Amino acid sequence: MTRFLKHPFFPLIILLAVNLAAGFLTFHHYGMSWDEPLFYDYANSIRVAYTPAAFAPGFDFYQVFGKSPEDHKIYGPAYLLLARPIQQAVMAVLKTDMASAWHLVNFLAFQLGLGAFYGLVRRWLAPWPSAAATAFLAWQPVFWGHAFINPKDAPFMVFFLLALALGLDFVDRLSVRTGEHRPVQPALLVNLAFAGILLGLTSAIRVIGPLAGVIVFVYFLLKKNWRGFPLFSVYGLVALVTMFVFWPYLWADPINRLLEVLKHMSNNPTELAVLFNGQIFRANEMPRRYLPQVLAMTLTEPTWILFFAGLVVAIRNFLAKKVDWRAPLVLLGLFGFMLAYLMYNKPSVYDGFRHFLFITPPVFVFIGFSLEWLWEKLKPAIWSAVVILLLLPGLVGIVRLHPYEYSYYNLLTGGVGGAFRSYETEYWLTCYKEAIEWALANEPGTTLHIQREFPLAEYYGADLALRDLGRETENDILPGDLLLFQTRADLDLRSNYRKLPAEHIIGRDGAEFCILKRKN
């Protein structure tokens, strides 16, 4: 037992055990987000691409991308292909509904990402500071919420972390073998295969996935291990083959279609309305300060203090040659380069920083350097107390906002209540679940008119008389009927029915997410 308690992975095991206990107790509390219904339909449809029917004469291959092929074809389905069998098993074993099963599977995938992150920081830090840095990432309310309800950006961050961890480890092992002129061992080939496959899977989730390979390549160049170039080339080849196998849209014309997707994703021509700093902007016209400001407001209060302190500690360690500077530098380069690119190029941005979750782990790596410095300076009991205090804002936010953790704003912004009507809060409408459950319990015979995203309401309100408000006139709404509004982009205030009295409000800490109104 003593040996187990001293094992380097023991702190990580404790963290994952706590997370899993909380996840299994609460996964069914989360409502489906508006991106999920069609995306899970894509998961059900894409399997057909790997059957003989997909290659039969006259088969319309676009149907494998589901009900929204023009959107889904640009997203590689690697995560959906791997996760759907597990989701089906969860439904069968736990007897839960489709959305809740996916939420649990998404959360389980997030734990894999935490393991990869722990592996990264363990390259430089002791086990307990590494686990504390991992907990600091995991218990950010924004990350915790997206871990359940986001099948796009959160899994991409997970696979990006796995590709980075395995890729950097592969380069290190490659340097040892070729640097000492030792013959290639089977263990190195296994490491190469796993690293290449993970990079390929990451690329087959989102087209920017090869950026993980670029970071690994820069690290390889910094190691100056030129004898290892042939094996590194094999690593890249394995990644390319894997990406091709797991992305059916590329099969017909790999190069041109990949360039097409890259062009589309770099421009991201979305014109969604976004509430920012009390004004409504179009997503393609957001000010340059949007992403830095959102990062400052939606991560917990100690985050950036610890990050900049960690930078100072890391630089001191590099100068003292206590830590190899190359891997931390390329990770910091990921965050700095992407942030600078996004501010300069100004692509369409919306929904906070959910599209850029994958660039944030380096922030928590350098937070780990701060925690390591405290570990070296303080007694274990005092260090533990300090870490708990630093983690407390995130834990309190998770508890207070549950199950809307992703809407978190820190106290510097006034919390989610202070951000309400100035910034987007519950922008993915997961509150529909709670709103419709209230209607089922309190107004089961009443007609309910839905302002937007009707499929979400249909999923939870099959036993209600539902109507799509966007397709109706005022004469279609009878006295006594209920209307369901949501506050994204202040759409409830811009509605013709804004003066109707509220019957029930779903929200947290002074912020309103979903509003049920009654026609009088």
Protein backbone atom coordinates (compact mmCIF):
# COMPACT_ATOMS: atom_id res chain seq x y z
CA MET A 1 0.00 0.00 0.00
CA THR A 2 2.84 2.41 0.86
CA ARG A 3 4.37 1.78 -2.55
CA PHE A 4 1.03 2.58 -4.24
CA LEU A 5 0.62 5.81 -2.27
CA LYS A 6 4.06 6.95 -3.43
CA HIS A 7 3.46 6.06 -7.07
CA PRO A 8 3.77 9.10 -9.42
CA PHE A 9 0.26 8.49 -10.76
CA PHE A 10 -1.41 8.30 -7.34
CA PRO A 11 -2.38 12.03 -7.26
CA LEU A 12 -3.88 11.73 -10.75
CA ILE A 13 -5.86 8.65 -9.71
CA ILE A 14 -7.37 10.59 -6.79
CA LEU A 15 -8.34 13.47 -9.09
CA LEU A 16 -9.91 11.19 -11.70
CA ALA A 17 -11.78 9.23 -9.02
CA VAL A 18 -13.31 12.46 -7.67
CA ASN A 19 -14.20 13.61 -11.19
CA LEU A 20 -15.76 10.29 -12.17
CA ALA A 21 -17.84 10.12 -9.00
CA ALA A 22 -19.20 13.62 -9.66
CA GLY A 23 -19.71 12.89 -13.36
CA PHE A 24 -21.67 9.67 -12.85
CA LEU A 25 -23.89 11.38 -10.27
CA THR A 26 -24.71 14.40 -12.44
CA PHE A 27 -24.35 13.59 -16.16
CA HIS A 28 -28.13 13.29 -16.60
CA HIS A 29 -28.66 16.84 -15.28
CA TYR A 30 -27.27 18.51 -18.41
CA GLY A 31 -29.54 19.65 -21.19
CA MET A 32 -28.67 19.12 -24.83
CA SER A 33 -27.01 22.11 -26.51
CA TRP A 34 -28.29 23.42 -29.82
CA ASP A 35 -25.37 21.98 -31.78
CA GLU A 36 -25.90 18.47 -30.46
CA PRO A 37 -29.05 17.07 -32.17
CA LEU A 38 -27.69 17.36 -35.72
CA PHE A 39 -24.16 16.40 -34.67
CA TYR A 40 -25.35 13.16 -33.08
CA ASP A 41 -27.39 12.51 -36.20
CA TYR A 42 -24.04 12.79 -38.03
CA ALA A 43 -22.66 10.15 -35.65
CA ASN A 44 -25.49 7.80 -36.61
CA SER A 45 -25.14 8.45 -40.34
CA ILE A 46 -21.38 8.42 -40.87
CA ARG A 47 -21.12 4.69 -40.06
CA VAL A 48 -22.71 3.97 -43.44
CA ALA A 49 -19.54 5.28 -45.14
CA TYR A 50 -17.74 2.14 -43.95
CA THR A 51 -20.29 -0.31 -45.34
CA PRO A 52 -20.47 -1.86 -48.85
CA ALA A 53 -23.67 0.11 -49.49
CA ALA A 54 -21.66 3.35 -49.60
CA PHE A 55 -19.78 2.12 -52.67
CA ALA A 56 -22.75 0.75 -54.60
CA PRO A 57 -23.61 2.41 -57.95
CA GLY A 58 -26.00 5.34 -57.59
CA PHE A 59 -25.46 5.76 -53.85
CA ASP A 60 -25.65 9.41 -52.73
CA PHE A 61 -22.54 9.58 -50.57
CA TYR A 62 -23.58 12.92 -49.06
CA GLN A 63 -26.23 11.16 -46.97
CA VAL A 64 -23.47 9.73 -44.74
CA PHE A 65 -23.00 13.26 -43.35
CA GLY A 66 -26.50 13.35 -41.87
CA LYS A 67 -29.16 16.04 -42.14
CA SER A 68 -26.69 18.93 -42.41
CA PRO A 69 -24.07 17.64 -44.89
CA GLU A 70 -22.63 21.02 -45.92
CA ASP A 71 -21.75 21.72 -42.31
CA HIS A 72 -20.77 18.26 -41.15
CA LYS A 73 -18.51 17.31 -44.04
CA ILE A 74 -15.95 19.89 -42.87
CA TYR A 75 -15.76 18.21 -39.45
CA GLY A 76 -13.88 14.94 -39.44
CA PRO A 77 -15.92 12.26 -37.63
CA ALA A 78 -13.06 10.43 -35.86
CA TYR A 79 -14.35 11.15 -32.35
CA LEU A 80 -17.93 10.23 -33.28
CA LEU A 81 -16.83 6.95 -34.86
CA LEU A 82 -14.85 5.96 -31.77
CA ALA A 83 -17.30 7.26 -29.15
CA ARG A 84 -20.64 6.11 -30.58
CA PRO A 85 -20.22 2.39 -29.69
CA ILE A 86 -19.45 3.44 -26.10
CA GLN A 87 -22.48 5.74 -26.09
CA GLN A 88 -24.68 2.89 -27.29
CA ALA A 89 -23.31 0.67 -24.52
CA VAL A 90 -24.01 3.37 -21.91
CA MET A 91 -27.61 3.63 -23.12
CA ALA A 92 -28.04 -0.13 -22.88
CA VAL A 93 -26.38 -0.60 -19.49
CA LEU A 94 -27.57 2.53 -17.65
CA LYS A 95 -30.98 2.71 -19.40
CA THR A 96 -30.50 6.40 -20.05
CA ASP A 97 -31.57 8.61 -22.94
CA MET A 98 -29.44 9.35 -25.99
CA ALA A 99 -28.32 12.85 -24.98
CA SER A 100 -27.40 11.90 -21.42
CA ALA A 101 -25.41 8.91 -22.66
CA TRP A 102 -23.45 11.18 -24.99
CA HIS A 103 -22.85 13.63 -22.15
CA LEU A 104 -21.34 10.88 -20.02
CA VAL A 105 -19.15 9.66 -22.89
CA ASN A 106 -17.98 13.22 -23.59
CA PHE A 107 -17.07 13.59 -19.92
CA LEU A 108 -15.18 10.29 -19.91
CA ALA A 109 -13.21 11.47 -22.94
CA PHE A 110 -12.36 14.64 -21.01
CA GLN A 111 -10.74 12.49 -18.31
CA LEU A 112 -8.43 11.02 -20.97
CA GLY A 113 -7.41 14.56 -21.82
CA LEU A 114 -6.64 15.25 -18.16
CA GLY A 115 -4.42 12.17 -18.12
CA ALA A 116 -2.55 13.47 -21.18
CA PHE A 117 -2.17 16.89 -19.58
CA TYR A 118 -0.82 15.31 -16.39
CA GLY A 119 1.68 13.40 -18.52
CA LEU A 120 2.82 16.67 -20.10
CA VAL A 121 3.40 18.57 -16.87
CA ARG A 122 5.08 15.57 -15.26
CA ARG A 123 7.92 16.12 -17.72
CA TRP A 124 9.00 19.07 -15.52
CA LEU A 125 7.04 18.97 -12.24
CA ALA A 126 6.64 16.69 -9.22
CA PRO A 127 3.50 14.52 -8.98
CA TRP A 128 1.49 16.64 -6.55
CA PRO A 129 2.08 20.01 -8.27
CA SER A 130 1.29 18.26 -11.57
CA ALA A 131 -1.99 16.96 -10.15
CA ALA A 132 -2.81 20.40 -8.74
CA ALA A 133 -2.24 22.01 -12.16
CA THR A 134 -4.44 19.32 -13.72
CA ALA A 135 -7.17 19.96 -11.16
CA PHE A 136 -6.89 23.69 -11.82
CA LEU A 137 -7.68 23.01 -15.49
CA ALA A 138 -10.36 20.39 -14.82
CA TRP A 139 -12.20 22.48 -12.25
CA GLN A 140 -12.48 25.61 -14.31
CA PRO A 141 -16.29 25.89 -14.56
CA VAL A 142 -16.09 26.64 -18.30
CA PHE A 143 -14.12 23.44 -18.96
CA TRP A 144 -16.26 21.35 -16.61
CA GLY A 145 -19.45 22.38 -18.38
CA HIS A 146 -18.10 21.88 -21.89
CA ALA A 147 -16.76 18.47 -20.88
CA PHE A 148 -20.37 17.23 -20.85
CA ILE A 149 -22.28 19.21 -23.47
CA ASN A 150 -19.67 19.91 -26.15
CA PRO A 151 -19.00 16.98 -28.55
CA LYS A 152 -16.95 19.15 -30.91
CA ASP A 153 -14.46 21.44 -29.19
CA ALA A 154 -13.85 19.57 -25.92
CA PRO A 155 -13.03 16.22 -27.60
CA PHE A 156 -10.77 18.05 -30.04
CA MET A 157 -8.86 19.53 -27.10
CA VAL A 158 -8.59 16.02 -25.61
CA PHE A 159 -7.17 14.50 -28.79
CA PHE A 160 -4.89 17.50 -29.32
CA LEU A 161 -3.44 16.94 -25.84
CA LEU A 162 -3.02 13.22 -26.49
CA ALA A 163 -1.29 13.92 -29.81
CA LEU A 164 1.05 16.42 -28.14
CA ALA A 165 1.89 14.18 -25.19
CA LEU A 166 2.59 11.12 -27.33
CA GLY A 167 4.38 13.14 -30.02
CA LEU A 168 6.78 14.84 -27.62
CA ASP A 169 7.42 11.52 -25.90
CA PHE A 170 8.14 9.92 -29.28
CA VAL A 171 10.70 12.62 -30.12
CA ASP A 172 12.42 12.10 -26.76
CA ARG A 173 12.59 8.32 -27.23
CA LEU A 174 13.76 8.80 -30.81
CA SER A 175 16.57 11.09 -29.66
CA VAL A 176 17.79 8.53 -27.12
CA ARG A 177 17.83 5.63 -29.60
CA THR A 178 19.40 7.37 -32.58
CA GLY A 179 21.65 9.60 -30.50
CA GLU A 180 23.27 6.54 -28.93
CA HIS A 181 23.36 4.68 -32.26
CA ARG A 182 21.25 1.93 -30.73
CA PRO A 183 19.11 -0.28 -32.98
CA VAL A 184 15.42 0.54 -33.27
CA GLN A 185 13.50 -1.36 -30.62
CA PRO A 186 9.89 -2.60 -30.89
CA ALA A 187 8.90 -0.25 -28.04
CA LEU A 188 9.96 2.76 -30.12
CA LEU A 189 7.93 1.52 -33.10
CA VAL A 190 4.88 1.07 -30.87
CA ASN A 191 5.38 4.60 -29.57
CA LEU A 192 5.69 5.85 -33.17
CA ALA A 193 2.49 4.07 -34.18
CA PHE A 194 0.44 5.42 -31.28
CA ALA A 195 1.79 8.96 -31.70
CA GLY A 196 1.08 8.92 -35.45
CA ILE A 197 -2.39 7.45 -35.04
CA LEU A 198 -3.35 10.03 -32.39
CA LEU A 199 -2.12 12.86 -34.60
CA GLY A 200 -4.14 11.44 -37.50
CA LEU A 201 -7.28 11.10 -35.36
CA THR A 202 -6.85 14.67 -34.12
CA SER A 203 -6.59 15.86 -37.72
CA ALA A 204 -9.72 13.85 -38.57
CA ILE A 205 -11.70 15.79 -35.96
CA ARG A 206 -10.78 19.29 -37.06
CA VAL A 207 -8.60 20.44 -39.92
CA ILE A 208 -6.32 22.43 -37.61
CA GLY A 209 -5.33 19.16 -35.93
CA PRO A 210 -2.01 18.94 -37.86
CA LEU A 211 -0.91 21.94 -35.79
CA ALA A 212 -0.14 19.41 -33.03
CA GLY A 213 2.22 17.72 -35.49
CA VAL A 214 3.82 21.08 -36.33
CA ILE A 215 4.53 21.66 -32.63
CA VAL A 216 6.06 18.19 -32.34
CA PHE A 217 8.12 18.86 -35.48
CA VAL A 218 9.47 22.13 -34.08
CA TYR A 219 10.45 20.25 -30.93
CA PHE A 220 12.16 17.64 -33.11
CA LEU A 221 14.14 20.38 -34.88
CA LEU A 222 15.15 21.93 -31.55
CA LYS A 223 16.48 18.54 -30.45
CA LYS A 224 18.74 18.53 -33.57
CA ASN A 225 18.42 14.78 -33.97
CA TRP A 226 18.92 14.58 -37.73
CA ARG A 227 19.52 10.82 -37.70
CA GLY A 228 15.96 10.35 -36.51
CA PHE A 229 14.42 12.08 -39.53
CA PRO A 230 13.50 8.88 -41.42
CA LEU A 231 11.52 7.55 -38.46
CA PHE A 232 9.96 10.97 -37.87
CA SER A 233 8.82 10.92 -41.50
CA VAL A 234 7.14 7.56 -40.86
CA TYR A 235 5.33 9.17 -37.91
CA GLY A 236 3.95 11.82 -40.27
CA LEU A 237 2.96 9.19 -42.84
CA VAL A 238 1.06 7.18 -40.22
CA ALA A 239 -0.80 10.37 -39.24
CA LEU A 240 -1.74 11.12 -42.87
CA VAL A 241 -3.05 7.61 -43.51
CA THR A 242 -5.05 7.67 -40.26
CA MET A 243 -6.59 11.04 -41.10
CA PHE A 244 -7.59 9.79 -44.54
CA VAL A 245 -9.17 6.59 -43.17
CA PHE A 246 -11.22 8.44 -40.54
CA TRP A 247 -12.45 11.31 -42.72
CA PRO A 248 -14.71 10.00 -45.51
CA TYR A 249 -15.22 13.42 -47.09
CA LEU A 250 -11.58 13.37 -48.21
CA TRP A 251 -11.79 10.04 -50.00
CA ALA A 252 -12.99 11.32 -53.38
CA ASP A 253 -10.40 14.13 -53.77
CA PRO A 254 -8.05 14.32 -50.76
CA ILE A 255 -5.89 17.32 -51.61
CA ASN A 256 -8.52 19.65 -53.05
CA ARG A 257 -11.09 18.82 -50.39
CA LEU A 258 -8.59 19.31 -47.61
CA LEU A 259 -7.69 22.72 -49.03
CA GLU A 260 -11.39 23.52 -49.34
CA VAL A 261 -12.02 22.68 -45.68
CA LEU A 262 -8.93 24.61 -44.57
CA LYS A 263 -10.06 27.71 -46.46
CA HIS A 264 -13.57 27.47 -45.04
CA MET A 265 -12.45 26.97 -41.44
CA SER A 266 -9.85 29.75 -41.57
CA ASN A 267 -12.47 32.23 -42.77
CA ASN A 268 -15.38 30.79 -40.75
CA PRO A 269 -17.98 32.95 -42.50
CA THR A 270 -20.54 32.86 -39.67
CA GLU A 271 -22.61 35.99 -39.02
CA LEU A 272 -24.30 35.02 -35.76
CA ALA A 273 -25.43 37.85 -33.50
CA VAL A 274 -23.20 38.08 -30.41
CA LEU A 275 -23.76 40.17 -27.28
CA PHE A 276 -20.44 41.68 -26.22
CA ASN A 277 -19.86 44.58 -23.84
CA GLY A 278 -23.55 45.49 -23.97
CA GLN A 279 -23.68 45.70 -27.78
CA ILE A 280 -24.83 43.30 -30.49
CA PHE A 281 -22.08 42.47 -32.98
CA ARG A 282 -21.97 40.08 -35.91
CA ALA A 283 -19.53 37.24 -35.33
CA ASN A 284 -17.42 38.31 -38.31
CA GLU A 285 -17.19 41.90 -37.02
CA MET A 286 -16.05 41.30 -33.45
CA PRO A 287 -13.41 43.69 -32.00
CA ARG A 288 -9.87 42.34 -31.65
CA ARG A 289 -10.08 42.42 -27.88
CA TYR A 290 -12.88 39.83 -27.85
CA LEU A 291 -10.82 36.70 -27.22
CA PRO A 292 -8.35 38.15 -24.67
CA GLN A 293 -11.23 39.80 -22.81
CA VAL A 294 -13.29 36.62 -22.74
CA LEU A 295 -10.28 34.64 -21.49
CA ALA A 296 -9.78 37.22 -18.73
CA MET A 297 -13.45 37.17 -17.68
CA THR A 298 -14.35 33.48 -17.85
CA LEU A 299 -11.36 31.81 -16.17
CA THR A 300 -11.14 31.92 -12.38
CA GLU A 301 -9.55 34.88 -10.63
CA PRO A 302 -6.17 33.28 -9.75
CA THR A 303 -5.57 31.97 -13.28
CA TRP A 304 -3.63 34.78 -14.92
CA ILE A 305 -1.73 35.74 -11.76
CA LEU A 306 -0.48 32.17 -11.46
CA PHE A 307 0.26 32.02 -15.20
CA PHE A 308 2.52 35.08 -15.26
CA ALA A 309 4.19 34.04 -12.02
CA GLY A 310 4.75 30.61 -13.56
CA LEU A 311 6.40 32.22 -16.59
CA VAL A 312 8.90 33.94 -14.30
CA VAL A 313 9.61 30.71 -12.42
CA ALA A 314 9.98 28.75 -15.66
CA ILE A 315 12.45 31.30 -17.12
CA ARG A 316 14.51 31.13 -13.94
CA ASN A 317 14.53 27.34 -14.15
CA PHE A 318 15.58 27.47 -17.80
CA LEU A 319 18.45 29.87 -17.05
CA ALA A 320 19.56 27.68 -14.15
CA LYS A 321 19.35 24.66 -16.47
CA LYS A 322 17.02 22.89 -14.04
CA VAL A 323 14.50 22.29 -16.83
CA ASP A 324 14.93 21.66 -20.56
CA TRP A 325 13.43 24.79 -22.13
CA ARG A 326 12.51 23.32 -25.52
CA ALA A 327 9.20 21.57 -24.83
CA PRO A 328 7.74 24.37 -22.62
CA LEU A 329 8.76 26.87 -25.28
CA VAL A 330 6.88 25.11 -28.08
CA LEU A 331 3.81 24.77 -25.86
CA LEU A 332 3.89 28.45 -24.97
CA GLY A 333 4.35 29.15 -28.68
CA LEU A 334 1.07 27.37 -29.38
CA PHE A 335 -0.84 29.72 -27.08
CA GLY A 336 1.01 32.88 -28.10
CA PHE A 337 0.95 32.22 -31.83
CA MET A 338 -2.74 31.29 -31.96
CA LEU A 339 -3.78 34.23 -29.80
CA ALA A 340 -1.78 36.65 -31.96
CA TYR A 341 -3.11 35.09 -35.16
CA LEU A 342 -6.72 35.32 -34.01
CA MET A 343 -6.34 38.93 -32.92
CA TYR A 344 -4.61 39.91 -36.16
CA ASN A 345 -6.67 37.93 -38.67
CA LYS A 346 -10.05 38.50 -36.94
CA PRO A 347 -11.98 35.39 -38.03
CA SER A 348 -15.58 35.03 -36.95
CA VAL A 349 -15.67 34.43 -33.19
CA TYR A 350 -18.60 33.68 -30.90
CA ASP A 351 -19.60 31.46 -27.98
CA GLY A 352 -16.75 32.63 -25.77
CA PHE A 353 -13.53 30.73 -26.43
CA ARG A 354 -15.09 27.30 -26.93
CA HIS A 355 -13.60 26.97 -30.42
CA PHE A 356 -10.16 27.61 -28.94
CA LEU A 357 -10.21 25.36 -25.90
CA PHE A 358 -7.28 23.48 -27.42
CA ILE A 359 -4.90 26.47 -27.17
CA THR A 360 -5.42 27.00 -23.42
CA PRO A 361 -3.66 23.98 -21.77
CA PRO A 362 -0.23 25.71 -22.04
CA VAL A 363 -1.61 28.37 -19.68
CA PHE A 364 -2.17 25.68 -17.06
CA VAL A 365 1.24 24.14 -17.73
CA PHE A 366 2.87 27.38 -16.59
CA ILE A 367 0.45 27.62 -13.68
CA GLY A 368 2.00 24.29 -12.71
CA PHE A 369 5.41 25.99 -12.46
CA SER A 370 3.92 28.41 -9.89
CA LEU A 371 2.48 25.53 -7.91
CA GLU A 372 5.82 23.70 -8.06
CA TRP A 373 7.61 26.76 -6.67
CA LEU A 374 5.11 26.93 -3.79
CA TRP A 375 5.61 23.17 -3.26
CA GLU A 376 9.33 23.74 -2.80
CA LYS A 377 8.88 26.71 -0.45
CA LEU A 378 6.01 25.60 1.80
CA LYS A 379 5.37 22.74 4.16
CA PRO A 380 3.00 20.10 2.71
CA ALA A 381 0.05 21.05 4.94
CA ILE A 382 0.37 24.75 4.16
CA TRP A 383 0.87 24.04 0.45
CA SER A 384 -2.29 21.91 0.43
CA ALA A 385 -4.27 24.68 2.10
CA VAL A 386 -3.01 27.24 -0.43
CA VAL A 387 -3.90 24.97 -3.36
CA ILE A 388 -7.40 24.40 -1.99
CA LEU A 389 -7.89 28.17 -1.72
CA LEU A 390 -6.73 28.60 -5.32
CA LEU A 391 -9.09 25.87 -6.52
CA LEU A 392 -12.02 27.17 -4.48
CA PRO A 393 -13.32 29.80 -6.96
CA GLY A 394 -13.68 27.13 -9.63
CA LEU A 395 -15.32 24.62 -7.30
CA VAL A 396 -17.75 27.22 -5.98
CA GLY A 397 -18.60 28.25 -9.53
CA ILE A 398 -19.27 24.63 -10.52
CA VAL A 399 -21.60 24.09 -7.57
CA ARG A 400 -23.45 27.40 -7.85
CA LEU A 401 -24.03 27.24 -11.61
CA HIS A 402 -24.70 23.52 -12.04
CA PRO A 403 -25.66 22.36 -14.65
CA TYR A 404 -24.80 25.59 -16.48
CA GLU A 405 -21.15 25.77 -15.47
CA TYR A 406 -19.99 26.80 -18.92
CA SER A 407 -21.78 30.16 -18.47
CA TYR A 408 -19.29 31.13 -15.73
CA TYR A 409 -17.87 34.63 -15.33
CA ASN A 410 -15.43 35.48 -12.56
CA LEU A 411 -16.01 38.04 -9.82
CA LEU A 412 -13.94 40.64 -11.67
CA THR A 413 -16.86 40.73 -14.10
CA GLY A 414 -19.43 40.57 -11.33
CA GLY A 415 -20.11 36.88 -11.80
CA VAL A 416 -22.64 35.54 -14.27
CA GLY A 417 -25.22 37.98 -12.88
CA GLY A 418 -22.93 40.92 -13.59
CA ALA A 419 -22.26 39.64 -17.10
CA PHE A 420 -25.97 39.19 -17.86
CA ARG A 421 -27.24 41.54 -20.59
CA SER A 422 -23.63 42.62 -21.27
CA TYR A 423 -22.11 39.33 -22.45
CA GLU A 424 -23.41 35.99 -23.62
CA THR A 425 -24.06 33.60 -20.76
CA GLU A 426 -26.08 30.42 -21.46
CA TYR A 427 -25.63 30.74 -25.21
CA TRP A 428 -26.23 27.06 -26.11
CA LEU A 429 -29.78 26.86 -24.68
CA THR A 430 -29.19 23.85 -22.46
CA CYS A 431 -31.82 25.41 -20.18
CA TYR A 432 -34.53 24.03 -22.50
CA LYS A 433 -34.33 20.76 -20.60
CA GLU A 434 -35.16 22.36 -17.26
CA ALA A 435 -37.77 24.68 -18.79
CA ILE A 436 -39.67 21.90 -20.53
CA GLU A 437 -39.44 19.61 -17.51
CA TRP A 438 -41.09 22.42 -15.54
CA ALA A 439 -43.83 22.74 -18.16
CA LEU A 440 -44.43 18.98 -18.11
CA ALA A 441 -44.76 19.02 -14.34
CA ASN A 442 -46.82 22.20 -13.99
CA GLU A 443 -48.58 22.84 -17.33
CA PRO A 444 -48.92 19.43 -19.02
CA GLY A 445 -51.96 20.36 -21.12
CA THR A 446 -50.83 23.79 -22.22
CA THR A 447 -49.57 24.61 -25.70
CA LEU A 448 -45.92 25.72 -25.64
CA HIS A 449 -44.53 27.96 -28.40
CA ILE A 450 -40.75 27.79 -28.91
CA GLN A 451 -38.86 30.92 -29.96
CA ARG A 452 -35.99 29.10 -31.70
CA GLU A 453 -34.08 25.79 -31.93
CA PHE A 454 -37.29 23.79 -32.07
CA PRO A 455 -35.50 20.38 -32.24
CA LEU A 456 -34.18 20.88 -28.70
CA ALA A 457 -37.69 21.41 -27.40
CA GLU A 458 -38.97 18.43 -29.35
CA TYR A 459 -36.38 16.16 -27.77
CA TYR A 460 -37.49 16.96 -24.23
CA GLY A 461 -41.15 17.81 -24.80
CA ALA A 462 -42.57 14.94 -26.82
CA ASP A 463 -45.59 14.80 -24.48
CA LEU A 464 -46.37 18.51 -24.81
CA ALA A 465 -48.24 20.39 -27.51
CA LEU A 466 -45.29 22.20 -29.06
CA ARG A 467 -45.39 24.88 -31.73
CA ASP A 468 -42.58 26.63 -33.61
CA LEU A 469 -43.03 30.33 -32.86
CA GLY A 470 -40.95 31.32 -35.90
CA ARG A 471 -43.58 29.86 -38.22
CA GLU A 472 -46.62 31.35 -36.50
CA THR A 473 -48.56 34.58 -36.50
CA GLU A 474 -49.90 36.31 -33.41
CA ASN A 475 -53.34 34.85 -34.14
CA ASP A 476 -51.94 31.33 -33.71
CA ILE A 477 -51.15 32.01 -30.05
CA LEU A 478 -54.19 31.66 -27.83
CA PRO A 479 -54.78 33.18 -24.38
CA GLY A 480 -53.22 30.94 -21.72
CA ASP A 481 -50.57 29.52 -24.05
CA LEU A 482 -46.95 29.48 -22.86
CA LEU A 483 -44.03 30.84 -24.87
CA LEU A 484 -40.41 29.75 -24.28
CA PHE A 485 -37.74 32.40 -24.80
CA GLN A 486 -33.98 32.39 -24.28
CA THR A 487 -31.73 35.35 -23.65
CA ARG A 488 -28.90 34.73 -26.11
CA ALA A 489 -28.18 37.98 -27.97
CA ASP A 490 -31.09 39.53 -26.03
CA LEU A 491 -33.53 37.78 -28.37
CA ASP A 492 -36.22 37.79 -25.69
CA LEU A 493 -36.02 41.60 -25.49
CA ARG A 494 -36.15 41.94 -29.26
CA SER A 495 -39.25 39.79 -29.59
CA ASN A 496 -42.73 41.11 -30.34
CA TYR A 497 -43.81 39.30 -27.17
CA ARG A 498 -41.28 40.94 -24.85
CA LYS A 499 -43.99 42.58 -22.71
CA LEU A 500 -45.77 39.34 -21.86
CA PRO A 501 -45.58 38.47 -18.15
CA ALA A 502 -43.04 35.84 -17.10
CA GLU A 503 -44.51 32.65 -15.71
CA HIS A 504 -41.23 30.91 -14.83
CA ILE A 505 -37.54 31.83 -15.15
CA ILE A 506 -34.55 29.50 -15.28
CA GLY A 507 -31.25 31.10 -14.37
CA ARG A 508 -28.42 31.30 -11.88
CA ASP A 509 -27.00 34.06 -9.65
CA GLY A 510 -29.14 36.85 -11.11
CA ALA A 511 -28.74 35.82 -14.76
CA GLU A 512 -31.78 34.64 -16.71
CA PHE A 513 -31.27 31.85 -19.23
CA CYS A 514 -34.74 30.61 -20.26
CA ILE A 515 -38.00 32.47 -19.71
CA LEU A 516 -41.48 30.97 -19.91
CA LYS A 517 -44.13 33.62 -20.61
CA ARG A 518 -47.90 33.37 -20.80
CA LYS A 519 -50.19 35.10 -23.24
CA ASN A 520 -52.78 36.94 -21.16
